[in-house]
Amino acid sequence: MLNIQTKQEDGASVVSIKGKVNFEVTAQLREVIKETIAAEQPKLLVINLEGVSFIDSSGLGLLVAARSSVDKNSGRLHLCCLTAQVKKVFDQTNLTNYFSIFATEQDALRGS
């Protein structure tokens, strides 16, 4: 089961995810991110992956699509709090260089 929470902080939208991000839940997550982008049109969207224990290719594809959507609105997408297991997947798929990845949510909000 996936737990998704959204909040506004310092003019940014933050989506926090807990659980396994796989094909079974990507439609639910995609809808939350899509609604957040449409409603808030954030200049910065932070996706906090601290509670994510697993991510598959459908989840990675969703994050790539989310970045594309934010880019179209002249915004930025930052990822933060990747667990060691999730970071390994990003490293193996060479997406570490595609995304701005931060150690903490506060760093992601500051962009530093």
Protein backbone atom coordinates (compact mmCIF):
# COMPACT_ATOMS: atom_id res chain seq x y z
CA MET A 1 0.00 0.00 0.00
CA LEU A 2 1.21 3.47 -0.87
CA ASN A 3 0.85 6.47 1.43
CA ILE A 4 1.06 9.84 -0.32
CA GLN A 5 0.97 13.20 1.43
CA THR A 6 1.14 16.64 -0.12
CA LYS A 7 1.86 20.01 1.43
CA GLN A 8 2.87 23.53 0.52
CA GLU A 9 6.06 24.88 2.05
CA ASP A 10 8.00 28.03 1.27
CA GLY A 11 6.14 28.45 -2.03
CA ALA A 12 6.95 24.90 -3.11
CA SER A 13 4.81 21.80 -3.40
CA VAL A 14 6.07 18.76 -1.51
CA VAL A 15 4.88 15.22 -2.23
CA SER A 16 5.99 12.66 0.36
CA ILE A 17 5.72 8.98 -0.53
CA LYS A 18 5.84 5.93 1.72
CA GLY A 19 5.71 2.35 0.49
CA LYS A 20 6.67 0.45 -2.63
CA VAL A 21 6.43 2.36 -5.91
CA ASN A 22 5.56 -0.23 -8.52
CA PHE A 23 3.19 -0.76 -11.44
CA GLU A 24 0.25 -1.42 -9.11
CA VAL A 25 0.40 2.06 -7.52
CA THR A 26 1.87 4.32 -10.20
CA ALA A 27 -1.57 5.36 -11.50
CA GLN A 28 -2.51 6.59 -8.02
CA LEU A 29 0.78 8.44 -7.61
CA ARG A 30 0.60 9.87 -11.14
CA GLU A 31 -2.83 11.33 -10.35
CA VAL A 32 -1.63 13.01 -7.15
CA ILE A 33 1.40 14.53 -8.87
CA LYS A 34 -0.69 15.61 -11.88
CA GLU A 35 -3.29 17.27 -9.61
CA THR A 36 -0.57 18.98 -7.57
CA ILE A 37 1.07 20.40 -10.70
CA ALA A 38 -2.28 21.50 -12.19
CA ALA A 39 -3.64 23.07 -8.99
CA GLU A 40 -0.48 24.67 -7.61
CA GLN A 41 1.65 25.17 -10.75
CA PRO A 42 4.67 25.11 -8.46
CA LYS A 43 7.95 26.66 -9.46
CA LEU A 44 9.48 23.94 -7.30
CA LEU A 45 8.10 20.44 -6.81
CA VAL A 46 9.89 18.37 -4.18
CA ILE A 47 9.29 14.64 -4.11
CA ASN A 48 10.37 13.13 -0.81
CA LEU A 49 11.25 9.46 -1.22
CA GLU A 50 12.34 8.84 2.38
CA GLY A 51 9.65 6.21 2.96
CA VAL A 52 10.10 4.41 -0.36
CA SER A 53 11.58 0.95 0.09
CA PHE A 54 11.35 -0.10 -3.57
CA ILE A 55 10.89 1.55 -6.96
CA ASP A 56 10.52 -0.17 -10.32
CA SER A 57 10.72 1.04 -13.91
CA SER A 58 7.12 2.31 -13.91
CA GLY A 59 7.92 4.48 -10.89
CA LEU A 60 11.08 5.79 -12.54
CA GLY A 61 9.11 6.56 -15.70
CA LEU A 62 6.55 8.43 -13.63
CA LEU A 63 9.27 10.61 -12.08
CA VAL A 64 10.76 11.36 -15.51
CA ALA A 65 7.27 12.36 -16.75
CA ALA A 66 6.75 14.52 -13.65
CA ARG A 67 10.00 16.35 -14.33
CA SER A 68 8.92 16.93 -17.92
CA SER A 69 5.57 18.37 -16.75
CA VAL A 70 7.26 20.70 -14.27
CA ASP A 71 9.82 21.76 -16.88
CA LYS A 72 7.00 22.78 -19.25
CA ASN A 73 5.77 25.20 -16.57
CA SER A 74 9.30 26.62 -16.14
CA GLY A 75 9.54 24.92 -12.77
CA ARG A 76 12.03 22.59 -11.15
CA LEU A 77 11.70 19.11 -9.70
CA HIS A 78 13.88 18.05 -6.80
CA LEU A 79 14.05 14.59 -5.27
CA CYS A 80 15.16 14.09 -1.70
CA CYS A 81 15.79 11.53 1.02
CA LEU A 82 16.48 8.55 -1.22
CA THR A 83 17.05 5.35 0.71
CA ALA A 84 20.20 3.39 -0.13
CA GLN A 85 18.17 0.81 -2.06
CA VAL A 86 16.34 3.45 -4.14
CA LYS A 87 19.54 5.41 -4.77
CA LYS A 88 21.14 2.23 -6.08
CA VAL A 89 18.33 1.91 -8.66
CA PHE A 90 18.88 5.53 -9.72
CA ASP A 91 22.63 4.89 -10.04
CA GLN A 92 22.10 1.70 -12.06
CA THR A 93 19.71 3.43 -14.49
CA ASN A 94 21.91 6.53 -14.77
CA LEU A 95 19.07 8.76 -13.55
CA THR A 96 21.20 10.21 -10.75
CA ASN A 97 22.52 12.75 -13.27
CA TYR A 98 19.06 13.49 -14.72
CA PHE A 99 17.48 14.57 -11.43
CA SER A 100 18.49 17.09 -8.79
CA ILE A 101 18.80 14.87 -5.73
CA PHE A 102 19.18 16.22 -2.20
CA ALA A 103 19.94 14.57 1.14
CA THR A 104 17.16 16.33 3.08
CA GLU A 105 13.81 17.95 2.33
CA GLN A 106 15.11 21.29 3.60
CA ASP A 107 18.09 21.09 1.20
CA ALA A 108 15.70 20.30 -1.65
CA LEU A 109 13.51 23.29 -0.75
CA ARG A 110 16.57 25.56 -0.65
CA GLY A 111 18.00 24.00 -3.79
CA SER A 112 21.40 23.61 -2.16
